[in-house]
Amino acid sequence: MNTELIPVLNESMEIDLPATISYEQLKEKLSYHVNHLIQFDFQKLVSVLYRIDVNEEKLKSMLAENTETDASSIIAELIIERQLQKIKSRQEFRRDNNINEDEKW
């Protein structure tokens, strides 16, 4: 599992996940947290999803297509997916911006 994912999720979701955790455990704990937000602080969940930049259309589509699946599980999966995309983008940006010291101004 990506070592950057857990700290990013801990910060963005205001949760305390252990540093070493399997994907299944991660999804389960995140799903539980999302379910708690659905029940007790839906506005906070909406705010978190907006801040993380989870695709609203994809979320709506997945919820509509998977009516038998728990919504919190779908949302947790989309949060993980989006955070991994952002981590990958940052890594690629860093790699692309590694300029040789001699070439810097």
Protein backbone atom coordinates (compact mmCIF):
# COMPACT_ATOMS: atom_id res chain seq x y z
CA MET A 1 0.00 0.00 0.00
CA ASN A 2 1.15 3.54 -0.71
CA THR A 3 2.97 4.91 2.36
CA GLU A 4 1.66 8.42 1.75
CA LEU A 5 -2.00 7.35 1.74
CA ILE A 6 -2.57 6.82 5.48
CA PRO A 7 -1.22 10.25 6.59
CA VAL A 8 -3.22 11.95 3.83
CA LEU A 9 -6.41 10.15 4.87
CA ASN A 10 -5.77 10.85 8.54
CA GLU A 11 -5.51 14.56 7.79
CA SER A 12 -8.29 14.92 5.24
CA MET A 13 -10.79 12.72 7.09
CA GLU A 14 -9.80 13.81 10.61
CA ILE A 15 -9.36 10.17 11.55
CA ASP A 16 -6.58 8.21 13.27
CA LEU A 17 -5.71 5.22 11.11
CA PRO A 18 -2.73 3.02 12.05
CA ALA A 19 0.40 3.42 9.90
CA THR A 20 0.34 -0.20 8.82
CA ILE A 21 -3.00 -1.53 7.72
CA SER A 22 -4.26 -3.79 4.94
CA TYR A 23 -6.41 -2.39 2.16
CA GLU A 24 -9.41 -4.33 3.45
CA GLN A 25 -8.94 -2.98 6.99
CA LEU A 26 -8.44 0.53 5.64
CA LYS A 27 -11.61 0.37 3.60
CA GLU A 28 -13.53 -1.06 6.56
CA LYS A 29 -12.35 1.62 9.02
CA LEU A 30 -12.88 4.42 6.52
CA SER A 31 -16.31 3.06 5.64
CA TYR A 32 -17.23 3.00 9.34
CA HIS A 33 -16.09 6.63 9.69
CA VAL A 34 -18.03 7.67 6.58
CA ASN A 35 -21.13 5.90 7.91
CA HIS A 36 -20.78 7.81 11.18
CA LEU A 37 -20.63 11.08 9.23
CA ILE A 38 -23.68 10.08 7.16
CA GLN A 39 -25.66 9.50 10.35
CA PHE A 40 -24.43 12.31 12.59
CA ASP A 41 -22.71 15.03 10.52
CA PHE A 42 -23.76 14.82 6.89
CA GLN A 43 -22.68 18.41 6.18
CA LYS A 44 -19.15 17.58 7.31
CA LEU A 45 -19.11 14.58 4.97
CA VAL A 46 -20.22 16.75 2.06
CA SER A 47 -17.53 19.28 2.96
CA VAL A 48 -14.84 16.58 3.14
CA LEU A 49 -15.89 15.09 -0.20
CA TYR A 50 -15.77 18.55 -1.76
CA ARG A 51 -12.35 19.31 -0.25
CA ILE A 52 -10.92 15.95 -1.35
CA ASP A 53 -12.49 16.57 -4.78
CA VAL A 54 -14.40 13.31 -5.14
CA ASN A 55 -16.17 13.39 -8.50
CA GLU A 56 -19.82 14.11 -7.72
CA GLU A 57 -21.14 12.57 -10.94
CA LYS A 58 -19.13 9.40 -10.41
CA LEU A 59 -20.39 9.18 -6.82
CA LYS A 60 -24.01 9.59 -7.88
CA SER A 61 -23.58 7.06 -10.67
CA MET A 62 -21.91 4.46 -8.44
CA LEU A 63 -24.56 4.87 -5.73
CA ALA A 64 -27.33 4.46 -8.32
CA GLU A 65 -25.70 1.43 -9.96
CA ASN A 66 -24.87 -0.35 -6.71
CA THR A 67 -28.03 -0.11 -4.65
CA GLU A 68 -27.22 -3.42 -2.92
CA THR A 69 -23.85 -2.09 -1.67
CA ASP A 70 -23.54 0.02 1.46
CA ALA A 71 -23.18 3.69 0.50
CA SER A 72 -20.42 4.27 3.05
CA SER A 73 -18.35 1.52 1.43
CA ILE A 74 -18.72 3.09 -2.02
CA ILE A 75 -17.83 6.52 -0.66
CA ALA A 76 -14.81 5.13 1.20
CA GLU A 77 -13.56 3.47 -1.97
CA LEU A 78 -13.95 6.70 -3.96
CA ILE A 79 -12.10 8.67 -1.26
CA ILE A 80 -9.19 6.20 -1.34
CA GLU A 81 -9.16 6.23 -5.15
CA ARG A 82 -9.13 10.03 -5.31
CA GLN A 83 -6.40 10.40 -2.69
CA LEU A 84 -4.24 7.87 -4.55
CA GLN A 85 -4.75 9.84 -7.78
CA LYS A 86 -3.65 13.03 -6.05
CA ILE A 87 -0.57 11.35 -4.55
CA LYS A 88 0.40 9.98 -7.97
CA SER A 89 -0.02 13.43 -9.55
CA ARG A 90 2.19 15.02 -6.88
CA GLN A 91 4.87 12.37 -7.43
CA GLU A 92 4.81 12.92 -11.18
CA PHE A 93 4.93 16.69 -10.72
CA ARG A 94 7.95 16.36 -8.40
CA ARG A 95 9.70 14.07 -10.86
CA ASP A 96 8.99 16.43 -13.78
CA ASN A 97 10.29 19.39 -11.81
CA ASN A 98 13.57 17.78 -10.76
CA ILE A 99 15.82 20.29 -12.48
CA ASN A 100 19.56 19.81 -12.50
CA GLU A 101 21.25 22.32 -10.15
CA ASP A 102 23.39 23.61 -13.06
CA GLU A 103 20.25 24.46 -15.03
CA LYS A 104 18.56 26.45 -12.25
CA TRP A 105 18.70 30.21 -12.45
